Amino acid sequence: MTTDRRTMLLGALAALAAACARPQPPTITPRSADVTGANAQGLGLRVHCVVRNGNAFNLTVQRVSVRLTLAGRDLGVTQLASALRLPTNTDVPMDIDVHAPWGDLPGIIAVSMFNENIPYRLDGTARVGGERLNVDVPFTLQSTLPRRVLTGAVSGATPGLPPLH
């Protein structure tokens, strides 16, 4: 074997080994969120995402954490265990159930009193990997909630209080 050919073969093997040693993180694309509950204790959301694993081997989503910010106020972090299998080159739906205590529901309503739609932001991280290597994959969703969801939670928290509009 000539030296040039040997060098090219070793270079190709080194590139292949490097590609195999370092997997690419999957992509997580949040699509939407639905309100699953709003009461005196807090707000529940189901976040609908699609996860794509572009590697030549399966991965697993091991856990997910999501921070919810509503009307500019931090409602805390929800952490969930997961065991979602991500086959190679496949879009996999992933629904995340987030429950956040209000903290300051009257303050949130006061800030949003003149807005029909209240902005929120979800900042999440999914721990994804295999047996030996794991990576944190971030994702973000920004949208709005109708104010009536918040006012309904206040009305439900106070018996005898008529619905706020």
N, C-alpha and C. Protein backbone atom coordinates (compact mmCIF):
# COMPACT_ATOMS: atom_id res chain seq x y z
N MET A 1 0.85 -1.17 0.00
CA MET A 1 0.00 0.00 0.00
C MET A 1 0.90 1.23 0.00
N THR A 2 0.60 2.19 -0.85
CA THR A 2 1.42 3.40 -0.93
C THR A 2 1.16 4.28 0.28
N THR A 3 2.10 5.17 0.53
CA THR A 3 2.00 6.06 1.68
C THR A 3 0.80 6.99 1.55
N ASP A 4 0.57 7.52 0.34
CA ASP A 4 -0.58 8.42 0.14
C ASP A 4 -1.90 7.70 0.41
N ARG A 5 -1.99 6.48 -0.09
CA ARG A 5 -3.22 5.72 0.10
C ARG A 5 -3.41 5.36 1.58
N ARG A 6 -2.35 5.00 2.25
CA ARG A 6 -2.40 4.68 3.68
C ARG A 6 -2.81 5.92 4.48
N THR A 7 -2.29 7.07 4.14
CA THR A 7 -2.61 8.31 4.83
C THR A 7 -4.09 8.65 4.64
N MET A 8 -4.60 8.48 3.41
CA MET A 8 -6.01 8.75 3.15
C MET A 8 -6.90 7.79 3.93
N LEU A 9 -6.51 6.51 3.98
CA LEU A 9 -7.31 5.51 4.71
C LEU A 9 -7.31 5.81 6.20
N LEU A 10 -6.15 6.15 6.76
CA LEU A 10 -6.09 6.49 8.18
C LEU A 10 -6.88 7.76 8.49
N GLY A 11 -6.84 8.74 7.58
CA GLY A 11 -7.61 9.96 7.76
C GLY A 11 -9.11 9.68 7.75
N ALA A 12 -9.53 8.82 6.82
CA ALA A 12 -10.95 8.46 6.74
C ALA A 12 -11.39 7.72 8.00
N LEU A 13 -10.55 6.80 8.47
CA LEU A 13 -10.88 6.07 9.70
C LEU A 13 -10.94 7.00 10.91
N ALA A 14 -10.02 7.95 10.98
CA ALA A 14 -10.02 8.91 12.09
C ALA A 14 -11.28 9.77 12.05
N ALA A 15 -11.68 10.22 10.85
CA ALA A 15 -12.89 11.03 10.73
C ALA A 15 -14.12 10.22 11.12
N LEU A 16 -14.16 8.95 10.71
CA LEU A 16 -15.28 8.08 11.07
C LEU A 16 -15.34 7.86 12.58
N ALA A 17 -14.20 7.63 13.18
CA ALA A 17 -14.15 7.42 14.63
C ALA A 17 -14.60 8.68 15.37
N ALA A 18 -14.18 9.84 14.89
CA ALA A 18 -14.58 11.09 15.54
C ALA A 18 -16.08 11.30 15.40
N ALA A 19 -16.64 10.99 14.24
CA ALA A 19 -18.08 11.15 14.03
C ALA A 19 -18.87 10.20 14.93
N CYS A 20 -18.36 8.99 15.11
CA CYS A 20 -19.06 8.01 15.95
C CYS A 20 -18.92 8.35 17.43
N ALA A 21 -17.81 8.94 17.82
CA ALA A 21 -17.56 9.22 19.22
C ALA A 21 -18.40 10.38 19.73
N ARG A 22 -18.76 11.29 18.87
CA ARG A 22 -19.50 12.46 19.32
C ARG A 22 -20.85 12.55 18.61
N PRO A 23 -21.90 12.07 19.25
CA PRO A 23 -23.21 12.12 18.60
C PRO A 23 -23.72 13.56 18.50
N GLN A 24 -24.57 13.76 17.55
CA GLN A 24 -25.22 15.06 17.39
C GLN A 24 -26.43 15.11 18.32
N PRO A 25 -26.63 16.24 19.00
CA PRO A 25 -27.82 16.31 19.85
C PRO A 25 -29.08 16.29 18.98
N PRO A 26 -30.13 15.66 19.46
CA PRO A 26 -31.39 15.68 18.72
C PRO A 26 -31.96 17.10 18.73
N THR A 27 -32.93 17.34 17.88
CA THR A 27 -33.61 18.63 17.89
C THR A 27 -34.98 18.45 18.54
N ILE A 28 -35.36 19.42 19.36
CA ILE A 28 -36.66 19.43 20.00
C ILE A 28 -37.39 20.67 19.52
N THR A 29 -38.54 20.46 18.89
CA THR A 29 -39.32 21.56 18.35
C THR A 29 -40.68 21.61 19.05
N PRO A 30 -40.86 22.58 19.96
CA PRO A 30 -42.18 22.74 20.57
C PRO A 30 -43.17 23.23 19.52
N ARG A 31 -44.35 22.63 19.47
CA ARG A 31 -45.37 23.00 18.48
C ARG A 31 -46.47 23.86 19.10
N SER A 32 -46.94 23.47 20.28
CA SER A 32 -48.04 24.20 20.91
C SER A 32 -48.14 23.77 22.37
N ALA A 33 -49.02 24.46 23.10
CA ALA A 33 -49.32 24.09 24.50
C ALA A 33 -50.80 24.28 24.73
N ASP A 34 -51.40 23.36 25.47
CA ASP A 34 -52.80 23.43 25.84
C ASP A 34 -52.92 23.58 27.35
N VAL A 35 -53.88 24.37 27.80
CA VAL A 35 -54.15 24.49 29.23
C VAL A 35 -54.87 23.21 29.66
N THR A 36 -54.32 22.54 30.66
CA THR A 36 -54.95 21.33 31.19
C THR A 36 -55.68 21.60 32.50
N GLY A 37 -55.39 22.75 33.10
CA GLY A 37 -56.07 23.11 34.33
C GLY A 37 -55.60 24.46 34.83
N ALA A 38 -56.49 25.19 35.45
CA ALA A 38 -56.16 26.46 36.09
C ALA A 38 -57.07 26.59 37.30
N ASN A 39 -56.47 26.52 38.48
CA ASN A 39 -57.25 26.63 39.71
C ASN A 39 -56.44 27.40 40.73
N ALA A 40 -56.90 27.41 41.96
CA ALA A 40 -56.22 28.19 43.00
C ALA A 40 -54.79 27.72 43.24
N GLN A 41 -54.50 26.45 42.97
CA GLN A 41 -53.17 25.92 43.23
C GLN A 41 -52.17 26.29 42.14
N GLY A 42 -52.62 26.39 40.89
CA GLY A 42 -51.67 26.72 39.84
C GLY A 42 -52.21 26.49 38.45
N LEU A 43 -51.30 26.49 37.52
CA LEU A 43 -51.61 26.37 36.10
C LEU A 43 -51.01 25.08 35.56
N GLY A 44 -51.81 24.34 34.80
CA GLY A 44 -51.33 23.13 34.15
C GLY A 44 -51.31 23.32 32.65
N LEU A 45 -50.22 22.93 32.03
CA LEU A 45 -50.08 23.00 30.57
C LEU A 45 -49.59 21.67 30.05
N ARG A 46 -50.04 21.28 28.88
CA ARG A 46 -49.47 20.14 28.16
C ARG A 46 -48.77 20.72 26.93
N VAL A 47 -47.46 20.55 26.90
CA VAL A 47 -46.63 21.08 25.81
C VAL A 47 -46.41 19.97 24.80
N HIS A 48 -46.75 20.25 23.54
CA HIS A 48 -46.61 19.28 22.45
C HIS A 48 -45.33 19.60 21.67
N CYS A 49 -44.41 18.64 21.64
CA CYS A 49 -43.14 18.82 20.95
C CYS A 49 -42.93 17.68 19.95
N VAL A 50 -41.99 17.89 19.04
CA VAL A 50 -41.52 16.84 18.14
C VAL A 50 -40.01 16.76 18.34
N VAL A 51 -39.50 15.54 18.54
CA VAL A 51 -38.07 15.32 18.75
C VAL A 51 -37.54 14.51 17.58
N ARG A 52 -36.40 14.95 17.05
CA ARG A 52 -35.77 14.23 15.93
C ARG A 52 -34.34 13.87 16.31
N ASN A 53 -34.04 12.59 16.19
CA ASN A 53 -32.70 12.05 16.44
C ASN A 53 -32.04 11.80 15.09
N GLY A 54 -31.05 12.61 14.74
CA GLY A 54 -30.38 12.48 13.45
C GLY A 54 -29.17 11.55 13.48
N ASN A 55 -28.96 10.86 14.58
CA ASN A 55 -27.80 9.96 14.70
C ASN A 55 -28.12 8.60 14.10
N ALA A 56 -27.08 7.81 13.93
CA ALA A 56 -27.24 6.46 13.37
C ALA A 56 -27.51 5.42 14.46
N PHE A 57 -27.89 5.88 15.64
CA PHE A 57 -28.18 4.98 16.75
C PHE A 57 -29.30 5.59 17.59
N ASN A 58 -29.99 4.74 18.32
CA ASN A 58 -31.11 5.17 19.15
C ASN A 58 -30.61 5.95 20.37
N LEU A 59 -31.44 6.87 20.82
CA LEU A 59 -31.19 7.61 22.04
C LEU A 59 -32.45 7.55 22.91
N THR A 60 -32.33 8.04 24.14
CA THR A 60 -33.48 8.07 25.04
C THR A 60 -33.54 9.43 25.73
N VAL A 61 -34.75 10.01 25.77
CA VAL A 61 -34.97 11.19 26.61
C VAL A 61 -35.12 10.66 28.02
N GLN A 62 -34.23 11.08 28.92
CA GLN A 62 -34.21 10.53 30.27
C GLN A 62 -34.97 11.39 31.28
N ARG A 63 -34.92 12.71 31.09
CA ARG A 63 -35.69 13.60 31.95
C ARG A 63 -35.83 14.95 31.26
N VAL A 64 -36.83 15.70 31.71
CA VAL A 64 -37.14 17.00 31.14
C VAL A 64 -37.38 17.98 32.28
N SER A 65 -36.86 19.19 32.14
CA SER A 65 -37.19 20.25 33.09
C SER A 65 -37.67 21.46 32.29
N VAL A 66 -38.71 22.12 32.82
CA VAL A 66 -39.32 23.25 32.12
C VAL A 66 -39.56 24.38 33.12
N ARG A 67 -39.07 25.57 32.77
CA ARG A 67 -39.34 26.79 33.56
C ARG A 67 -40.43 27.57 32.85
N LEU A 68 -41.47 27.99 33.61
CA LEU A 68 -42.58 28.74 33.05
C LEU A 68 -42.53 30.18 33.56
N THR A 69 -42.59 31.11 32.62
CA THR A 69 -42.68 32.52 32.94
C THR A 69 -43.99 33.04 32.36
N LEU A 70 -44.82 33.65 33.19
CA LEU A 70 -46.13 34.14 32.77
C LEU A 70 -46.24 35.62 33.11
N ALA A 71 -46.56 36.43 32.13
CA ALA A 71 -46.66 37.89 32.32
C ALA A 71 -45.39 38.44 32.95
N GLY A 72 -44.26 37.88 32.55
CA GLY A 72 -42.97 38.34 33.05
C GLY A 72 -42.62 37.84 34.44
N ARG A 73 -43.44 36.98 35.03
CA ARG A 73 -43.19 36.47 36.38
C ARG A 73 -42.83 35.00 36.33
N ASP A 74 -41.75 34.67 37.01
CA ASP A 74 -41.24 33.30 37.05
C ASP A 74 -42.14 32.45 37.94
N LEU A 75 -42.71 31.37 37.35
CA LEU A 75 -43.57 30.47 38.12
C LEU A 75 -42.84 29.19 38.54
N GLY A 76 -41.55 29.12 38.29
CA GLY A 76 -40.77 27.99 38.75
C GLY A 76 -40.53 26.92 37.69
N VAL A 77 -39.92 25.83 38.16
CA VAL A 77 -39.48 24.75 37.28
C VAL A 77 -40.25 23.48 37.59
N THR A 78 -40.68 22.78 36.55
CA THR A 78 -41.27 21.46 36.66
C THR A 78 -40.25 20.46 36.14
N GLN A 79 -39.98 19.40 36.91
CA GLN A 79 -39.04 18.36 36.49
C GLN A 79 -39.80 17.06 36.34
N LEU A 80 -39.55 16.37 35.23
CA LEU A 80 -40.24 15.13 34.94
C LEU A 80 -39.25 14.06 34.51
N ALA A 81 -39.44 12.85 35.03
CA ALA A 81 -38.67 11.71 34.54
C ALA A 81 -39.28 11.28 33.22
N SER A 82 -38.47 10.72 32.34
CA SER A 82 -38.96 10.30 31.04
C SER A 82 -38.22 9.03 30.64
N ALA A 83 -38.78 8.31 29.71
CA ALA A 83 -38.11 7.15 29.13
C ALA A 83 -38.51 7.04 27.67
N LEU A 84 -38.51 8.18 26.99
CA LEU A 84 -38.94 8.23 25.60
C LEU A 84 -37.81 7.78 24.69
N ARG A 85 -38.06 6.73 23.94
CA ARG A 85 -37.07 6.18 23.01
C ARG A 85 -37.09 7.00 21.72
N LEU A 86 -35.90 7.35 21.23
CA LEU A 86 -35.76 8.13 20.01
C LEU A 86 -35.04 7.28 18.95
N PRO A 87 -35.80 6.62 18.08
CA PRO A 87 -35.16 5.87 17.00
C PRO A 87 -34.44 6.81 16.04
N THR A 88 -33.55 6.26 15.24
CA THR A 88 -32.78 7.07 14.30
C THR A 88 -33.67 7.66 13.22
N ASN A 89 -33.37 8.90 12.86
CA ASN A 89 -34.01 9.61 11.75
C ASN A 89 -35.53 9.51 11.73
N THR A 90 -36.13 9.69 12.90
CA THR A 90 -37.58 9.62 13.02
C THR A 90 -38.07 10.78 13.87
N ASP A 91 -39.20 11.39 13.46
CA ASP A 91 -39.84 12.41 14.29
C ASP A 91 -40.70 11.70 15.33
N VAL A 92 -40.44 11.99 16.60
CA VAL A 92 -41.16 11.34 17.70
C VAL A 92 -41.92 12.41 18.47
N PRO A 93 -43.25 12.27 18.61
CA PRO A 93 -44.00 13.23 19.42
C PRO A 93 -43.66 13.08 20.90
N MET A 94 -43.55 14.20 21.58
CA MET A 94 -43.27 14.19 23.02
C MET A 94 -44.17 15.23 23.66
N ASP A 95 -45.06 14.78 24.55
CA ASP A 95 -45.92 15.69 25.31
C ASP A 95 -45.36 15.82 26.72
N ILE A 96 -45.30 17.05 27.19
CA ILE A 96 -44.74 17.34 28.51
C ILE A 96 -45.84 18.00 29.34
N ASP A 97 -46.17 17.42 30.49
CA ASP A 97 -47.16 18.00 31.39
C ASP A 97 -46.45 18.88 32.42
N VAL A 98 -46.76 20.16 32.37
CA VAL A 98 -46.14 21.16 33.25
C VAL A 98 -47.19 21.61 34.26
N HIS A 99 -46.83 21.63 35.54
CA HIS A 99 -47.70 22.21 36.56
C HIS A 99 -46.90 23.24 37.33
N ALA A 100 -47.41 24.47 37.33
CA ALA A 100 -46.70 25.56 38.00
C ALA A 100 -47.61 26.23 39.00
N PRO A 101 -47.19 26.35 40.26
CA PRO A 101 -47.98 27.09 41.24
C PRO A 101 -47.96 28.58 40.89
N TRP A 102 -49.03 29.28 41.21
CA TRP A 102 -49.14 30.68 40.84
C TRP A 102 -48.10 31.56 41.49
N GLY A 103 -47.86 31.36 42.75
CA GLY A 103 -46.97 32.28 43.44
C GLY A 103 -47.67 33.59 43.75
N ASP A 104 -48.01 34.36 42.73
CA ASP A 104 -48.62 35.68 42.90
C ASP A 104 -49.72 35.89 41.87
N LEU A 105 -50.80 35.11 41.96
CA LEU A 105 -51.89 35.22 40.99
C LEU A 105 -52.50 36.62 40.96
N PRO A 106 -52.80 37.27 42.10
CA PRO A 106 -53.35 38.63 42.02
C PRO A 106 -52.40 39.60 41.30
N GLY A 107 -51.10 39.46 41.55
CA GLY A 107 -50.13 40.33 40.87
C GLY A 107 -50.08 40.08 39.38
N ILE A 108 -50.19 38.82 38.98
CA ILE A 108 -50.20 38.48 37.56
C ILE A 108 -51.45 39.07 36.90
N ILE A 109 -52.60 38.96 37.56
CA ILE A 109 -53.83 39.51 37.00
C ILE A 109 -53.74 41.03 36.93
N ALA A 110 -53.18 41.67 37.96
CA ALA A 110 -53.05 43.13 37.94
C ALA A 110 -52.17 43.58 36.78
N VAL A 111 -51.08 42.88 36.53
CA VAL A 111 -50.17 43.22 35.43
C VAL A 111 -50.85 43.03 34.08
N SER A 112 -51.75 42.06 34.01
CA SER A 112 -52.35 41.71 32.72
C SER A 112 -53.78 42.19 32.56
N MET A 113 -54.25 43.05 33.44
CA MET A 113 -55.66 43.46 33.45
C MET A 113 -56.13 44.03 32.12
N PHE A 114 -55.29 44.72 31.40
CA PHE A 114 -55.73 45.38 30.17
C PHE A 114 -55.31 44.62 28.91
N ASN A 115 -54.86 43.40 29.07
CA ASN A 115 -54.47 42.58 27.92
C ASN A 115 -55.38 41.38 27.83
N GLU A 116 -55.97 41.16 26.68
CA GLU A 116 -56.81 39.98 26.48
C GLU A 116 -55.97 38.70 26.48
N ASN A 117 -54.74 38.79 26.00
CA ASN A 117 -53.84 37.63 25.93
C ASN A 117 -52.60 37.91 26.76
N ILE A 118 -52.27 36.95 27.61
CA ILE A 118 -51.15 37.09 28.54
C ILE A 118 -49.96 36.31 27.99
N PRO A 119 -48.82 36.97 27.80
CA PRO A 119 -47.65 36.26 27.25
C PRO A 119 -47.05 35.28 28.26
N TYR A 120 -46.60 34.15 27.74
CA TYR A 120 -45.86 33.21 28.56
C TYR A 120 -44.68 32.66 27.77
N ARG A 121 -43.74 32.11 28.50
CA ARG A 121 -42.54 31.54 27.89
C ARG A 121 -42.18 30.27 28.65
N LEU A 122 -41.90 29.22 27.90
CA LEU A 122 -41.41 27.97 28.47
C LEU A 122 -39.96 27.79 28.03
N ASP A 123 -39.06 27.66 28.99
CA ASP A 123 -37.66 27.36 28.69
C ASP A 123 -37.38 25.98 29.25
N GLY A 124 -37.11 25.04 28.36
CA GLY A 124 -36.93 23.66 28.78
C GLY A 124 -35.57 23.10 28.42
N THR A 125 -35.26 22.01 29.08
CA THR A 125 -34.05 21.24 28.80
C THR A 125 -34.41 19.77 28.93
N ALA A 126 -34.02 19.00 27.93
CA ALA A 126 -34.21 17.55 27.96
C ALA A 126 -32.85 16.88 28.06
N ARG A 127 -32.69 15.98 29.02
CA ARG A 127 -31.47 15.19 29.14
C ARG A 127 -31.65 13.98 28.23
N VAL A 128 -30.79 13.89 27.20
CA VAL A 128 -30.91 12.85 26.17
C VAL A 128 -29.59 12.12 26.06
N GLY A 129 -29.66 10.81 25.86
CA GLY A 129 -28.42 10.08 25.66
C GLY A 129 -28.62 8.59 25.58
N GLY A 130 -27.52 7.93 25.83
CA GLY A 130 -27.49 6.48 25.82
C GLY A 130 -26.90 5.98 27.12
N GLU A 131 -26.20 4.86 27.04
CA GLU A 131 -25.63 4.27 28.26
C GLU A 131 -24.47 5.08 28.82
N ARG A 132 -23.62 5.63 27.94
CA ARG A 132 -22.40 6.29 28.42
C ARG A 132 -22.37 7.80 28.25
N LEU A 133 -23.07 8.32 27.28
CA LEU A 133 -22.96 9.73 26.96
C LEU A 133 -24.34 10.38 27.00
N ASN A 134 -24.45 11.52 27.66
CA ASN A 134 -25.71 12.26 27.76
C ASN A 134 -25.46 13.72 27.44
N VAL A 135 -26.49 14.37 26.93
CA VAL A 135 -26.39 15.78 26.59
C VAL A 135 -27.71 16.46 26.96
N ASP A 136 -27.63 17.73 27.38
CA ASP A 136 -28.82 18.52 27.66
C ASP A 136 -29.20 19.28 26.40
N VAL A 137 -30.44 19.10 25.95
CA VAL A 137 -30.92 19.74 24.73
C VAL A 137 -31.96 20.79 25.12
N PRO A 138 -31.68 22.08 24.82
CA PRO A 138 -32.63 23.14 25.19
C PRO A 138 -33.76 23.29 24.17
N PHE A 139 -34.89 23.83 24.64
CA PHE A 139 -35.99 24.20 23.76
C PHE A 139 -36.76 25.33 24.41
N THR A 140 -37.46 26.12 23.58
CA THR A 140 -38.20 27.28 24.06
C THR A 140 -39.52 27.39 23.30
N LEU A 141 -40.56 27.80 24.01
CA LEU A 141 -41.85 28.09 23.39
C LEU A 141 -42.37 29.40 23.97
N GLN A 142 -42.76 30.31 23.10
CA GLN A 142 -43.38 31.56 23.53
C GLN A 142 -44.75 31.65 22.89
N SER A 143 -45.74 32.02 23.71
CA SER A 143 -47.10 32.15 23.20
C SER A 143 -47.90 33.01 24.17
N THR A 144 -49.21 32.91 24.09
CA THR A 144 -50.08 33.66 24.99
C THR A 144 -51.21 32.77 25.50
N LEU A 145 -51.74 33.15 26.66
CA LEU A 145 -52.93 32.52 27.24
C LEU A 145 -54.04 33.56 27.26
N PRO A 146 -55.27 33.16 27.04
CA PRO A 146 -56.37 34.11 27.20
C PRO A 146 -56.50 34.53 28.67
N ARG A 147 -56.75 35.80 28.90
CA ARG A 147 -56.88 36.31 30.28
C ARG A 147 -57.96 35.57 31.04
N ARG A 148 -59.00 35.10 30.37
CA ARG A 148 -60.10 34.41 31.05
C ARG A 148 -59.63 33.15 31.79
N VAL A 149 -58.51 32.54 31.35
CA VAL A 149 -57.96 31.38 32.07
C VAL A 149 -57.54 31.82 33.47
N LEU A 150 -56.89 32.98 33.56
CA LEU A 150 -56.43 33.48 34.86
C LEU A 150 -57.59 33.94 35.72
N THR A 151 -58.51 34.69 35.14
CA THR A 151 -59.64 35.18 35.92
C THR A 151 -60.53 34.04 36.37
N GLY A 152 -60.64 32.99 35.58
CA GLY A 152 -61.40 31.81 35.99
C GLY A 152 -60.76 31.12 37.18
N ALA A 153 -59.41 31.11 37.22
CA ALA A 153 -58.71 30.51 38.36
C ALA A 153 -58.97 31.30 39.63
N VAL A 154 -59.01 32.63 39.53
CA VAL A 154 -59.29 33.47 40.70
C VAL A 154 -60.72 33.23 41.17
N SER A 155 -61.67 33.20 40.23
CA SER A 155 -63.08 32.98 40.60
C SER A 155 -63.26 31.62 41.26
N GLY A 156 -62.57 30.61 40.75
CA GLY A 156 -62.68 29.27 41.32
C GLY A 156 -62.02 29.17 42.69
N ALA A 157 -61.07 30.04 42.96
CA ALA A 157 -60.35 30.01 44.25
C ALA A 157 -61.16 30.66 45.37
N THR A 158 -62.12 31.48 45.00
CA THR A 158 -62.90 32.21 45.99
C THR A 158 -64.38 31.85 45.84
N PRO A 159 -64.89 30.94 46.68
CA PRO A 159 -66.31 30.55 46.56
C PRO A 159 -67.22 31.75 46.67
N GLY A 160 -68.24 31.79 45.82
CA GLY A 160 -69.23 32.86 45.86
C GLY A 160 -68.82 34.07 45.05
N LEU A 161 -67.59 34.13 44.58
CA LEU A 161 -67.14 35.26 43.76
C LEU A 161 -67.63 35.05 42.33
N PRO A 162 -68.34 36.02 41.75
CA PRO A 162 -68.79 35.85 40.37
C PRO A 162 -67.59 35.83 39.43
N PRO A 163 -67.74 35.23 38.25
CA PRO A 163 -66.63 35.19 37.29
C PRO A 163 -66.15 36.59 36.94
N LEU A 164 -64.84 36.74 36.89
CA LEU A 164 -64.24 38.02 36.49
C LEU A 164 -64.07 38.04 34.99
N HIS A 165 -64.29 39.19 34.36
CA HIS A 165 -64.13 39.28 32.89
C HIS A 165 -63.26 40.44 32.54
